[in-house]
Amino acid sequence: MFSNLIKHFSSTIRNCRFASSSLPKYSTNFSYRQHLVSDLSHSNLIDTSVSLHGWLQYRRMNSFGVLRDHSGLIQFILPSSLKQERQILKQTPVESCVHIQGILKKRPEKDMNTDMTLGHLEIHVTDFKVINTCLPTLPVDLSKFHESDEITRLTYRYLDFRRDIMQERIRFRSEFTSKVREFLLKHSFVDIETPSLFRRTPGGAREFLVPTHIQGGGLFYALTQSPQQFKQLLMMGGFDRYFQIAKCFRDETGRHDRQPEFTQIDLELSFVSRENIFSLIEQLLTACWPDSLDNIPFPRLTFTECMSRYGTDKPDTRFALEIEHTSDKLYITSPVSLKNIKNFLADTNNIDYDDNTRKFSMNKTNDENEDLIQMGKLRLKLADLLEKEYKIELRKKRQWNFLWVTDFPLFTPMTDDKTKFESTHHPFTAPIDEHLSLISSEKHWSTIIGQHYDLVLNGYEVGGGSIRIYDSYLQRFILNDILHLPIEHLEHLLKALEYGAPPHGGIALGLDRLLALVLETEHIRDVIPFPKTSIGRDLMAHAPSQVEQSELDYYFLKIDKKN
C-alpha cells in the first residue's frame, strides 16, 4: 500500500527526457557519505548495512519514509523497536536533512513499486538521525511542477533546485558543456580566459559601467559584452585556435528573452574560411546533441532569401507557409479554410483574407522590408492558430531544423538618419572579397555584403559569427569614414593589426538559448542556475541594491536621481 503513495514522487525522475533507464553512476569520493541511493542497485549490497545522507522526501505516520538524494529515491522502514527514532521521524518536517543507516532488503513482491527505479528495495533502519530540520512550511512546492509561480521559485531558488526537473536541467548543462570542452580540446583548441573588466566599446550593445577610484576617480571599466576584441588579439598572438565558455554582460533589461549576464561558447580560429567554421560547428553540435542530427551539413539560406520567403532572418523552417510574391502583392496561403478570422486580423495592418483562395494578402508599399516583416509575423501567428484551434501539427517536438543564414548586408542605414550607417553585425566583420573594391565608394556602401553568418534553430538565433577584418587600414577606414565611431577606443586593436595579423574568423553560440531549446523549457531562465528577471532583478538576493553615500565617496560619485 505504501508503494502506491510514493509513485507520484518518483515519476519526475523516471520520466526525465535524458535520464538513463538505469541509475547513473555518481561518486562519493572526497565525502564522508558511504552510499548514494544509486549505489543500492548493486545486488552485492542486499542484506548488508548501508549508510545514506539526504533529504526526507516523504513520511507516513512514524514508521515509513522516503529518502532522496540527487541520484534517486529509496523507501525506509523504522521497526517498532526504535521507539525514540519513530517519535523523531513523526516530528520531522519533510525536506529536513537526515542520515539513515540500516540493512538493505528486497521488498515483498506484493509491495514492489514498479514506478520507482529501486521500488523493489527498502532499508530496514537501525539508526536514524536528523542533521538539520526544515521549516514546517515550504514556500516552494517541490512535488508538483506548476504549483509554485516563477517569482516564488526565483526568490527561493535554492529550494527550487531540489525539484527533480531542476536537478536534471542543471546537471544536463554541466554534461553538455563538458562535451563541448572535450570536443574542442580534442581538436587542438586552447581554453583561454579573457578579462571581464575592459573599456567601453563603441558601436555595440549598452554596457555595464564599473567605477574605479584610480587616479582620483572619473574613470570607468566596462563589463565585456563579449570577448570579441580579446579573441582577435589572441589570433594575432599566435593562439590560432581559441575557445572559452564565456560570461558576457549587456545592459538590455526589459527584454523578456534576454538576461543581463549570459553564457556563450566562444570560438576563434586563424587561417580559416566560412566553410571551415560551418563544418566545425556542425561536427561540434553532432557530438554534443542528445538526439541524432540528420541534416548534416545544415541547410543554408541568404539573408535576402530568408526575408523574401519567411519575413525574418531567423526563420522556423519546420513548417512551410512561405510568403508568395506577385508584382504588387504578398501572399500567405492557409492549408485549410479559416473561420471567424476577424479577431485574428484585428491587430494586423493592411492584410486581408480571402476564404475562397485561403490566402492572406497585402499590397506592397515602398518599404519592402517592413512589408516582409509584417507577413513574417503573420506567418508565425497563423502557425499558432493552426496548431491551437485546428490541431494541425506544424512544429514537431524534438525536430531540429538548424539553418545557416549568410550574406547579410555589411552596413545598415541608421533608423533616425538613413544617410548614415551602422554595422549590421559588428564593425570587425570583413566584406566579401568581391565587394572589397566597393568600400571606397560611398554610393555602394548599402550594397556591400559582409562575411557574417548566423546559426538559426527552429526560429531562434543560437549563434553568430564572421570572418574578421585583418588589415589595419581597412579596419580604420570602416570605423572612421563609414561608421564615424571614435577610433581612440580601439587604437590597441588597430595597432595590433599592423604587426602581421593573420586572417581569422569565429563564432559564438548562445549556450543558454541552446539548452532552453534542447530541454524544451519556456524560458532561458529555466536553464540558468541563478537568473535575473526580465528587468534585471535578482529576487533571491534583492540585487541590484542601493549603497551608502560613504561607499560612493570612495569612487568620487554622487547619485543625482531624476524625478
Protein backbone atom coordinates (compact mmCIF):
# COMPACT_ATOMS: atom_id res chain seq x y z
CA MET A 1 0.00 0.00 0.00
CA PHE A 2 2.76 2.42 0.89
CA SER A 3 4.34 1.91 -2.54
CA ASN A 4 1.29 3.49 -4.16
CA LEU A 5 1.62 6.58 -2.01
CA ILE A 6 5.07 7.44 -3.30
CA LYS A 7 4.56 6.73 -7.01
CA HIS A 8 3.92 10.42 -7.53
CA PHE A 9 7.30 11.43 -6.15
CA SER A 10 9.33 9.11 -8.36
CA SER A 11 7.58 9.91 -11.63
CA THR A 12 9.59 13.01 -12.45
CA ILE A 13 12.95 11.26 -12.20
CA ARG A 14 11.67 8.30 -14.18
CA ASN A 15 10.27 10.49 -16.96
CA CYS A 16 13.19 12.90 -17.33
CA ARG A 17 13.92 13.05 -21.05
CA PHE A 18 17.63 12.44 -20.73
CA ALA A 19 17.52 10.08 -17.78
CA SER A 20 19.03 6.70 -18.42
CA SER A 21 16.91 3.58 -17.98
CA SER A 22 19.37 2.54 -15.31
CA LEU A 23 20.61 4.68 -12.47
CA PRO A 24 23.58 6.91 -13.37
CA LYS A 25 26.95 6.50 -11.72
CA TYR A 26 27.88 9.09 -9.10
CA SER A 27 30.89 9.31 -6.85
CA THR A 28 31.11 9.61 -3.07
CA ASN A 29 34.84 10.31 -3.17
CA PHE A 30 36.04 13.22 -1.01
CA SER A 31 32.94 12.96 1.19
CA TYR A 32 32.04 11.12 4.38
CA ARG A 33 29.00 9.71 2.63
CA GLN A 34 29.17 5.94 2.42
CA HIS A 35 26.50 5.40 -0.24
CA LEU A 36 24.25 7.27 -2.64
CA VAL A 37 20.80 5.95 -3.48
CA SER A 38 22.02 4.93 -6.93
CA ASP A 39 24.65 2.66 -5.33
CA LEU A 40 21.93 0.49 -3.84
CA SER A 41 21.15 -1.08 -7.21
CA HIS A 42 24.21 -3.33 -6.82
CA SER A 43 23.00 -6.79 -5.86
CA ASN A 44 26.01 -7.39 -3.59
CA LEU A 45 24.64 -4.77 -1.15
CA ILE A 46 21.42 -6.63 -0.43
CA ASP A 47 21.28 -7.86 3.18
CA THR A 48 24.24 -5.64 4.10
CA SER A 49 24.43 -2.46 6.16
CA VAL A 50 24.20 0.78 4.15
CA SER A 51 24.50 4.40 5.21
CA LEU A 52 22.88 7.33 3.35
CA HIS A 53 22.62 11.10 3.74
CA GLY A 54 19.92 13.12 2.02
CA TRP A 55 16.56 14.77 2.43
CA LEU A 56 13.32 13.44 3.85
CA GLN A 57 11.11 13.30 0.77
CA TYR A 58 8.05 11.80 2.45
CA ARG A 59 6.99 10.25 5.72
CA ARG A 60 3.96 8.25 6.76
CA MET A 61 2.97 8.19 10.38
CA ASN A 62 6.07 7.35 12.38
CA SER A 63 7.40 4.27 10.67
CA PHE A 64 7.80 4.77 6.90
CA GLY A 65 9.73 7.33 4.90
CA VAL A 66 11.43 8.09 1.60
CA LEU A 67 14.98 9.47 1.48
CA ARG A 68 16.06 11.46 -1.55
CA ASP A 69 19.45 12.46 -2.83
CA HIS A 70 20.39 13.73 -6.28
CA SER A 71 20.71 10.17 -7.59
CA GLY A 72 17.27 8.82 -6.64
CA LEU A 73 14.74 7.75 -4.03
CA ILE A 74 14.67 4.87 -1.55
CA GLN A 75 12.00 3.79 0.90
CA PHE A 76 12.99 3.09 4.50
CA ILE A 77 11.19 1.46 7.42
CA LEU A 78 11.72 2.07 11.14
CA PRO A 79 10.99 -1.13 13.14
CA SER A 80 8.84 -0.94 16.23
CA SER A 81 11.92 -1.45 18.43
CA LEU A 82 13.15 2.07 17.51
CA LYS A 83 10.52 3.88 19.53
CA GLN A 84 12.54 7.04 20.07
CA GLU A 85 13.53 7.25 16.39
CA ARG A 86 9.93 6.72 15.35
CA GLN A 87 8.88 9.64 17.51
CA ILE A 88 11.62 11.79 15.97
CA LEU A 89 10.50 10.83 12.46
CA LYS A 90 6.91 11.71 13.28
CA GLN A 91 8.00 15.22 14.29
CA THR A 92 10.46 15.77 11.44
CA PRO A 93 9.23 18.06 8.61
CA VAL A 94 9.73 16.88 5.05
CA GLU A 95 12.84 18.32 3.33
CA SER A 96 14.82 18.05 6.54
CA CYS A 97 18.39 16.85 6.07
CA VAL A 98 18.70 13.34 7.53
CA HIS A 99 21.02 10.35 7.86
CA ILE A 100 19.86 6.76 7.90
CA GLN A 101 21.73 3.54 8.44
CA GLY A 102 20.21 0.11 8.07
CA ILE A 103 20.02 -3.20 6.24
CA LEU A 104 19.14 -3.12 2.55
CA LYS A 105 16.35 -5.63 1.90
CA LYS A 106 14.29 -6.84 -1.01
CA ARG A 107 10.69 -5.79 -0.64
CA PRO A 108 7.93 -8.40 -0.64
CA GLU A 109 6.69 -8.92 -4.18
CA LYS A 110 3.23 -7.57 -3.33
CA ASP A 111 4.77 -4.30 -2.09
CA MET A 112 7.13 -3.66 -5.01
CA ASN A 113 6.68 -0.30 -6.74
CA THR A 114 7.38 -0.61 -10.46
CA ASP A 115 7.25 3.18 -10.82
CA MET A 116 10.41 3.55 -8.76
CA THR A 117 13.79 2.51 -10.11
CA LEU A 118 14.55 0.98 -6.71
CA GLY A 119 10.95 0.09 -5.97
CA HIS A 120 11.97 -3.48 -5.27
CA LEU A 121 14.22 -2.46 -2.36
CA GLU A 122 13.87 -0.84 1.05
CA ILE A 123 16.08 -0.09 4.02
CA HIS A 124 15.30 -1.53 7.43
CA VAL A 125 16.66 1.25 9.62
CA THR A 126 18.99 0.62 12.53
CA ASP A 127 19.88 4.29 13.11
CA PHE A 128 18.01 7.47 12.15
CA LYS A 129 19.35 10.97 12.74
CA VAL A 130 18.09 14.42 11.80
CA ILE A 131 21.07 16.51 10.71
CA ASN A 132 19.17 19.74 10.20
CA THR A 133 15.42 20.32 10.36
CA CYS A 134 13.49 22.17 7.71
CA LEU A 135 10.84 24.77 8.47
CA PRO A 136 7.45 23.04 8.56
CA THR A 137 6.01 25.15 5.72
CA LEU A 138 7.84 25.36 2.40
CA PRO A 139 7.42 28.46 0.22
CA VAL A 140 8.06 26.32 -2.87
CA ASP A 141 6.02 23.20 -3.63
CA LEU A 142 8.60 20.58 -4.54
CA SER A 143 6.16 17.88 -5.55
CA LYS A 144 4.33 19.49 -8.45
CA PHE A 145 5.90 21.26 -11.40
CA HIS A 146 3.32 24.03 -11.81
CA GLU A 147 2.33 24.50 -8.18
CA SER A 148 4.62 27.46 -7.41
CA ASP A 149 4.80 30.54 -9.60
CA GLU A 150 8.08 31.65 -11.13
CA ILE A 151 8.55 34.64 -8.83
CA THR A 152 8.41 32.34 -5.80
CA ARG A 153 10.76 29.83 -7.39
CA LEU A 154 13.29 32.54 -8.26
CA THR A 155 13.05 34.01 -4.76
CA TYR A 156 13.78 30.61 -3.22
CA ARG A 157 16.00 29.28 -5.99
CA TYR A 158 17.95 27.06 -3.59
CA LEU A 159 14.72 25.19 -2.82
CA ASP A 160 13.70 25.17 -6.47
CA PHE A 161 16.96 23.28 -7.15
CA ARG A 162 15.64 20.36 -5.11
CA ARG A 163 12.96 19.65 -7.71
CA ASP A 164 13.89 16.75 -9.96
CA ILE A 165 13.39 18.78 -13.12
CA MET A 166 15.82 21.47 -11.97
CA GLN A 167 18.40 18.90 -10.94
CA GLU A 168 18.08 17.37 -14.40
CA ARG A 169 18.43 20.70 -16.21
CA ILE A 170 21.46 21.99 -14.34
CA ARG A 171 23.23 18.63 -14.47
CA PHE A 172 22.49 18.38 -18.19
CA ARG A 173 24.00 21.84 -18.62
CA SER A 174 27.18 20.61 -16.94
CA GLU A 175 27.26 17.50 -19.12
CA PHE A 176 26.68 19.50 -22.30
CA THR A 177 29.47 21.99 -21.61
CA SER A 178 31.79 19.11 -20.69
CA LYS A 179 31.15 17.55 -24.08
CA VAL A 180 31.83 20.89 -25.76
CA ARG A 181 35.16 21.19 -23.98
CA GLU A 182 36.06 17.58 -24.74
CA PHE A 183 35.39 18.03 -28.45
CA LEU A 184 37.28 21.31 -28.78
CA LEU A 185 40.30 20.19 -26.76
CA LYS A 186 40.44 17.07 -28.90
CA HIS A 187 40.75 19.33 -31.95
CA SER A 188 43.64 21.39 -30.52
CA PHE A 189 41.65 24.38 -29.27
CA VAL A 190 43.11 26.25 -26.29
CA ASP A 191 40.78 27.22 -23.44
CA ILE A 192 41.75 30.80 -22.54
CA GLU A 193 40.02 33.05 -20.02
CA THR A 194 39.73 36.70 -21.01
CA PRO A 195 39.01 39.66 -18.72
CA SER A 196 35.53 40.78 -17.75
CA LEU A 197 36.77 44.27 -16.85
CA PHE A 198 37.58 46.11 -20.06
CA ARG A 199 36.91 49.51 -21.58
CA ARG A 200 33.89 50.85 -23.42
CA THR A 201 33.49 49.58 -26.97
CA PRO A 202 31.77 51.88 -29.46
CA GLY A 203 29.07 50.61 -31.77
CA GLY A 204 27.80 47.69 -29.69
CA ALA A 205 25.14 46.97 -27.09
CA ARG A 206 24.79 49.10 -23.98
CA GLU A 207 27.45 48.11 -21.45
CA PHE A 208 27.56 47.98 -17.66
CA LEU A 209 30.00 50.54 -16.31
CA VAL A 210 32.18 49.82 -13.27
CA PRO A 211 33.66 52.83 -11.45
CA THR A 212 37.19 52.85 -10.05
CA HIS A 213 38.96 55.16 -7.63
CA ILE A 214 42.15 55.06 -9.72
CA GLN A 215 43.64 58.49 -10.49
CA GLY A 216 41.20 60.29 -8.26
CA GLY A 217 38.02 58.90 -9.82
CA GLY A 218 36.19 59.72 -13.01
CA LEU A 219 37.42 56.52 -14.70
CA PHE A 220 35.28 53.51 -15.51
CA TYR A 221 35.71 49.96 -16.65
CA ALA A 222 33.02 48.32 -18.78
CA LEU A 223 31.94 44.72 -18.34
CA THR A 224 32.62 42.90 -21.60
CA GLN A 225 29.60 42.35 -23.80
CA SER A 226 31.66 39.61 -25.48
CA PRO A 227 35.33 38.58 -25.68
CA GLN A 228 35.40 39.81 -29.31
CA GLN A 229 38.49 42.02 -29.19
CA PHE A 230 40.41 39.70 -26.89
CA LYS A 231 39.93 36.67 -29.10
CA GLN A 232 41.07 38.62 -32.15
CA LEU A 233 44.15 39.75 -30.23
CA LEU A 234 44.84 36.12 -29.31
CA MET A 235 44.88 35.27 -33.02
CA MET A 236 47.47 37.99 -33.53
CA GLY A 237 49.49 36.47 -30.70
CA GLY A 238 49.66 33.07 -32.38
CA PHE A 239 46.95 31.19 -30.44
CA ASP A 240 45.32 30.04 -33.63
CA ARG A 241 42.52 28.01 -32.03
CA TYR A 242 40.82 29.63 -29.04
CA PHE A 243 37.67 28.79 -27.14
CA GLN A 244 36.03 29.86 -23.92
CA ILE A 245 32.77 29.19 -22.11
CA ALA A 246 32.44 32.94 -21.67
CA LYS A 247 30.31 35.01 -19.35
CA CYS A 248 29.04 38.13 -21.14
CA PHE A 249 27.22 41.23 -19.94
CA ARG A 250 24.79 43.56 -21.71
CA ASP A 251 22.52 46.16 -20.20
CA GLU A 252 19.42 45.04 -22.10
CA THR A 253 16.86 44.93 -19.32
CA GLY A 254 13.23 44.99 -20.30
CA ARG A 255 13.53 42.31 -22.99
CA HIS A 256 11.74 39.16 -21.87
CA ASP A 257 14.07 36.79 -23.72
CA ARG A 258 17.35 38.33 -22.56
CA GLN A 259 19.50 38.23 -19.44
CA PRO A 260 21.91 40.98 -18.32
CA GLU A 261 24.56 38.26 -17.96
CA PHE A 262 24.63 35.20 -20.15
CA THR A 263 26.98 32.47 -21.33
CA GLN A 264 28.27 31.77 -24.80
CA ILE A 265 30.52 29.16 -26.39
CA ASP A 266 33.10 31.49 -27.88
CA LEU A 267 35.42 30.37 -30.68
CA GLU A 268 38.05 31.93 -32.93
CA LEU A 269 40.45 30.43 -35.47
CA SER A 270 43.25 31.70 -37.71
CA PHE A 271 43.66 30.77 -41.37
CA VAL A 272 40.02 29.84 -41.61
CA SER A 273 37.19 30.19 -44.10
CA ARG A 274 33.46 30.34 -43.57
CA GLU A 275 33.21 26.74 -44.77
CA ASN A 276 35.71 25.62 -42.14
CA ILE A 277 33.66 27.20 -39.37
CA PHE A 278 30.41 25.72 -40.66
CA SER A 279 31.94 22.25 -40.64
CA LEU A 280 33.39 22.76 -37.15
CA ILE A 281 30.07 23.81 -35.62
CA GLU A 282 28.12 21.05 -37.35
CA GLN A 283 30.50 18.43 -36.00
CA LEU A 284 30.58 20.05 -32.55
CA LEU A 285 26.79 20.03 -32.21
CA THR A 286 26.55 16.50 -33.56
CA ALA A 287 28.98 15.36 -30.86
CA CYS A 288 27.14 17.15 -28.04
CA TRP A 289 23.46 16.98 -29.03
CA PRO A 290 21.38 14.38 -27.15
CA ASP A 291 19.37 13.49 -30.26
CA SER A 292 20.63 12.41 -33.66
CA LEU A 293 21.15 15.29 -36.09
CA ASP A 294 20.41 14.02 -39.57
CA ASN A 295 20.51 17.13 -41.77
CA ILE A 296 24.30 17.47 -41.94
CA PRO A 297 25.53 19.72 -43.46
CA PHE A 298 22.95 22.22 -42.23
CA PRO A 299 20.87 23.89 -44.96
CA ARG A 300 21.82 27.44 -45.96
CA LEU A 301 19.85 30.49 -47.00
CA THR A 302 21.00 34.00 -47.73
CA PHE A 303 19.61 36.91 -45.73
CA THR A 304 17.68 38.04 -48.83
CA GLU A 305 16.17 34.58 -49.34
CA CYS A 306 15.10 34.40 -45.68
CA MET A 307 13.38 37.76 -45.80
CA SER A 308 11.70 37.01 -49.13
CA ARG A 309 10.37 33.58 -48.11
CA TYR A 310 9.79 33.93 -44.36
CA GLY A 311 9.81 37.65 -43.48
CA THR A 312 12.57 37.20 -40.91
CA ASP A 313 16.30 36.49 -40.79
CA LYS A 314 15.74 33.68 -38.27
CA PRO A 315 13.01 31.53 -39.80
CA ASP A 316 11.45 28.44 -38.28
CA THR A 317 11.77 26.03 -41.20
CA ARG A 318 9.91 23.17 -39.53
CA PHE A 319 6.83 24.31 -41.48
CA ALA A 320 6.20 25.96 -44.85
CA LEU A 321 3.58 28.76 -45.08
CA GLU A 322 6.08 30.69 -47.19
CA ILE A 323 5.45 34.19 -48.49
CA GLU A 324 4.33 34.31 -52.11
CA HIS A 325 5.08 37.27 -54.39
CA THR A 326 3.39 38.96 -57.31
CA SER A 327 4.27 42.31 -58.84
CA ASP A 328 2.10 44.24 -56.38
CA LYS A 329 1.11 41.86 -53.56
CA LEU A 330 2.42 39.48 -50.94
CA TYR A 331 0.51 36.32 -50.01
CA ILE A 332 0.48 33.51 -47.46
CA THR A 333 -1.83 30.55 -48.14
CA SER A 334 -3.50 28.70 -45.30
CA PRO A 335 -3.66 24.88 -45.68
CA VAL A 336 -7.30 24.93 -44.51
CA SER A 337 -10.21 27.32 -44.72
CA LEU A 338 -10.35 29.55 -41.64
CA LYS A 339 -13.47 30.71 -39.81
CA ASN A 340 -14.06 33.77 -37.62
CA ILE A 341 -10.92 35.40 -38.89
CA LYS A 342 -11.89 38.96 -37.96
CA ASN A 343 -10.40 38.81 -34.46
CA PHE A 344 -7.28 37.11 -35.83
CA LEU A 345 -6.63 40.13 -38.09
CA ALA A 346 -7.69 42.74 -35.54
CA ASP A 347 -4.17 43.96 -34.76
CA THR A 348 -2.81 43.43 -38.29
CA ASN A 349 -2.49 46.38 -40.65
CA ASN A 350 -3.33 46.23 -44.36
CA ILE A 351 -3.68 42.43 -44.51
CA ASP A 352 -6.85 40.80 -45.89
CA TYR A 353 -8.09 37.21 -46.03
CA ASP A 354 -9.96 35.57 -48.93
CA ASP A 355 -11.82 32.46 -47.82
CA ASN A 356 -12.22 31.21 -51.40
CA THR A 357 -8.47 31.08 -52.04
CA ARG A 358 -7.47 30.71 -48.36
CA LYS A 359 -4.93 33.47 -48.97
CA PHE A 360 -3.82 36.31 -46.74
CA SER A 361 -2.78 39.22 -48.95
CA MET A 362 -1.03 42.54 -48.52
CA ASN A 363 -0.39 45.31 -51.01
CA LYS A 364 3.28 46.10 -51.44
CA THR A 365 4.45 49.52 -50.30
CA ASN A 366 7.65 51.48 -50.81
CA ASP A 367 9.08 49.87 -47.68
CA GLU A 368 9.61 46.32 -48.91
CA ASN A 369 11.50 45.23 -45.80
CA GLU A 370 8.70 46.33 -43.47
CA ASP A 371 6.11 44.59 -45.68
CA LEU A 372 8.04 41.33 -45.42
CA ILE A 373 8.44 41.68 -41.65
CA GLN A 374 4.67 42.11 -41.26
CA MET A 375 4.00 38.99 -43.33
CA GLY A 376 6.64 37.12 -41.34
CA LYS A 377 4.83 37.95 -38.12
CA LEU A 378 1.55 36.85 -39.69
CA ARG A 379 3.18 33.54 -40.69
CA LEU A 380 4.08 32.74 -37.06
CA LYS A 381 0.69 33.89 -35.80
CA LEU A 382 -1.03 31.68 -38.40
CA ALA A 383 1.06 28.70 -37.32
CA ASP A 384 -0.05 29.25 -33.72
CA LEU A 385 -3.69 29.42 -34.82
CA LEU A 386 -3.50 26.28 -36.95
CA GLU A 387 -1.88 24.27 -34.16
CA LYS A 388 -4.12 25.50 -31.35
CA GLU A 389 -7.53 25.80 -33.00
CA TYR A 390 -7.28 23.40 -35.94
CA LYS A 391 -5.00 20.77 -34.35
CA ILE A 392 -2.63 20.77 -37.33
CA GLU A 393 0.86 19.80 -36.19
CA LEU A 394 3.38 22.08 -37.89
CA ARG A 395 6.23 22.23 -35.38
CA LYS A 396 7.06 18.73 -34.25
CA LYS A 397 8.70 18.12 -30.91
CA ARG A 398 12.33 17.02 -30.99
CA GLN A 399 12.65 18.16 -34.61
CA TRP A 400 15.86 20.13 -35.01
CA ASN A 401 15.91 22.39 -38.08
CA PHE A 402 19.29 24.06 -37.97
CA LEU A 403 19.93 26.66 -40.67
CA TRP A 404 22.88 28.80 -41.70
CA VAL A 405 21.91 32.34 -42.73
CA THR A 406 24.56 34.09 -44.82
CA ASP A 407 25.26 37.16 -46.95
CA PHE A 408 23.98 39.86 -44.64
CA PRO A 409 24.47 43.50 -45.64
CA LEU A 410 27.72 44.73 -44.11
CA PHE A 411 26.13 48.07 -43.22
CA THR A 412 22.56 49.04 -42.30
CA PRO A 413 21.14 52.59 -42.61
CA MET A 414 20.53 54.10 -39.20
CA THR A 415 16.90 54.38 -38.11
CA ASP A 416 16.98 58.10 -37.35
CA ASP A 417 19.17 59.11 -40.31
CA LYS A 418 19.12 56.93 -43.42
CA THR A 419 22.19 58.71 -44.81
CA LYS A 420 24.34 57.28 -42.01
CA PHE A 421 25.29 53.67 -41.43
CA GLU A 422 25.85 51.24 -38.58
CA SER A 423 27.28 47.74 -38.63
CA THR A 424 24.72 45.03 -39.28
CA HIS A 425 26.76 42.66 -37.12
CA HIS A 426 29.76 44.42 -35.61
CA PRO A 427 32.44 46.71 -37.04
CA PHE A 428 35.09 43.97 -37.24
CA THR A 429 33.27 41.94 -39.90
CA ALA A 430 35.01 41.75 -43.28
CA PRO A 431 33.23 42.36 -46.60
CA ILE A 432 33.13 39.52 -49.10
CA ASP A 433 36.17 39.57 -51.37
CA GLU A 434 34.09 40.53 -54.40
CA HIS A 435 32.95 43.74 -52.69
CA LEU A 436 36.27 44.95 -51.33
CA SER A 437 36.62 47.42 -54.19
CA LEU A 438 33.25 48.99 -53.31
CA ILE A 439 34.40 50.17 -49.88
CA SER A 440 35.95 53.34 -51.28
CA SER A 441 32.71 54.45 -52.96
CA GLU A 442 30.01 55.84 -50.66
CA LYS A 443 27.23 55.18 -53.14
CA HIS A 444 27.91 51.42 -52.89
CA TRP A 445 28.05 51.11 -49.11
CA SER A 446 24.43 49.99 -48.81
CA THR A 447 25.02 47.16 -51.30
CA ILE A 448 28.15 45.65 -49.74
CA ILE A 449 27.73 42.09 -48.43
CA GLY A 450 29.58 41.06 -45.27
CA GLN A 451 31.11 37.74 -44.31
CA HIS A 452 28.73 37.39 -41.39
CA TYR A 453 26.71 34.26 -40.67
CA ASP A 454 24.05 33.30 -38.17
CA LEU A 455 23.06 29.86 -36.94
CA VAL A 456 19.30 29.51 -36.52
CA LEU A 457 17.42 26.68 -34.81
CA ASN A 458 13.63 26.38 -35.04
CA GLY A 459 13.15 30.13 -35.37
CA TYR A 460 15.75 31.22 -32.79
CA GLU A 461 19.16 32.69 -33.43
CA VAL A 462 21.53 30.43 -31.48
CA GLY A 463 24.85 31.64 -32.87
CA GLY A 464 26.54 34.30 -34.89
CA GLY A 465 30.00 34.98 -36.25
CA SER A 466 32.01 36.30 -39.14
CA ILE A 467 35.30 36.36 -40.95
CA ARG A 468 37.16 39.36 -39.49
CA ILE A 469 38.99 42.30 -40.96
CA TYR A 470 42.72 41.71 -40.54
CA ASP A 471 44.00 44.74 -42.46
CA SER A 472 44.61 47.77 -40.24
CA TYR A 473 43.97 50.34 -42.97
CA LEU A 474 40.64 48.78 -43.97
CA GLN A 475 39.54 48.48 -40.34
CA ARG A 476 40.45 52.09 -39.61
CA PHE A 477 38.63 53.32 -42.75
CA ILE A 478 35.42 51.48 -41.85
CA LEU A 479 35.46 52.69 -38.25
CA ASN A 480 36.32 56.29 -39.05
CA ASP A 481 34.99 57.10 -42.52
CA ILE A 482 31.90 54.89 -42.78
CA LEU A 483 30.68 54.29 -39.23
CA HIS A 484 32.07 57.52 -37.70
CA LEU A 485 32.99 55.76 -34.48
CA PRO A 486 35.60 57.17 -32.07
CA ILE A 487 38.62 55.10 -33.05
CA GLU A 488 40.61 56.17 -29.98
CA HIS A 489 38.66 53.48 -28.10
CA LEU A 490 40.09 50.85 -30.45
CA GLU A 491 43.65 52.01 -31.04
CA HIS A 492 45.03 48.92 -29.27
CA LEU A 493 43.28 46.66 -31.79
CA LEU A 494 44.17 48.80 -34.80
CA LYS A 495 47.80 48.83 -33.70
CA ALA A 496 47.84 45.07 -33.26
CA LEU A 497 46.58 44.60 -36.82
CA GLU A 498 49.75 46.31 -38.06
CA TYR A 499 52.01 43.54 -36.75
CA GLY A 500 51.31 40.80 -39.25
CA ALA A 501 47.80 39.80 -38.13
CA PRO A 502 46.68 36.51 -39.71
CA PRO A 503 43.34 36.01 -41.48
CA HIS A 504 40.90 34.87 -38.84
CA GLY A 505 37.25 34.34 -38.02
CA GLY A 506 34.98 32.87 -35.41
CA ILE A 507 31.57 32.38 -33.94
CA ALA A 508 29.75 32.46 -30.61
CA LEU A 509 26.95 30.06 -29.72
CA GLY A 510 24.40 31.09 -27.11
CA LEU A 511 24.68 28.33 -24.52
CA ASP A 512 21.58 29.37 -22.56
CA ARG A 513 19.38 29.51 -25.67
CA LEU A 514 20.66 26.16 -26.99
CA LEU A 515 19.92 24.49 -23.65
CA ALA A 516 16.47 26.06 -23.39
CA LEU A 517 15.62 24.66 -26.82
CA VAL A 518 17.01 21.17 -26.32
CA LEU A 519 15.37 20.87 -22.88
CA GLU A 520 12.14 22.41 -24.20
CA THR A 521 11.81 24.98 -21.43
CA GLU A 522 9.59 28.03 -21.55
CA HIS A 523 12.41 30.49 -20.91
CA ILE A 524 16.18 30.62 -20.75
CA ARG A 525 15.80 31.38 -17.02
CA ASP A 526 14.88 27.72 -16.59
CA VAL A 527 18.37 26.54 -17.61
CA ILE A 528 20.41 29.22 -15.80
CA PRO A 529 21.21 28.38 -12.16
CA PHE A 530 20.78 31.91 -10.78
CA PRO A 531 18.98 34.02 -13.38
CA LYS A 532 17.68 37.57 -13.23
CA THR A 533 14.15 38.66 -14.08
CA SER A 534 13.37 40.38 -17.39
CA ILE A 535 14.08 43.73 -15.73
CA GLY A 536 17.42 42.55 -14.37
CA ARG A 537 16.49 41.87 -10.74
CA ASP A 538 17.81 39.06 -8.57
CA LEU A 539 14.74 38.23 -6.48
CA MET A 540 16.67 35.98 -4.11
CA ALA A 541 19.42 38.43 -3.10
CA HIS A 542 17.47 41.62 -3.90
CA ALA A 543 20.07 42.87 -6.35
CA PRO A 544 20.73 45.47 -7.59
CA SER A 545 20.63 47.34 -4.30
CA GLN A 546 21.38 50.79 -3.01
CA VAL A 547 24.71 51.61 -1.36
CA GLU A 548 25.62 54.19 1.21
CA GLN A 549 26.98 57.55 0.10
CA SER A 550 30.14 56.77 2.08
CA GLU A 551 30.81 53.88 -0.31
CA LEU A 552 30.19 56.11 -3.32
CA ASP A 553 32.60 58.68 -1.93
CA TYR A 554 35.42 56.18 -2.43
CA TYR A 555 34.72 56.38 -6.15
CA PHE A 556 34.10 60.14 -6.09
CA LEU A 557 30.47 59.58 -7.13
CA LYS A 558 27.18 61.12 -6.14
CA ILE A 559 23.74 59.94 -7.25
CA ASP A 560 21.56 62.65 -8.78
CA LYS A 561 18.18 60.99 -9.22
CA LYS A 562 15.81 62.37 -11.83
CA ASN A 563 12.21 62.93 -10.77
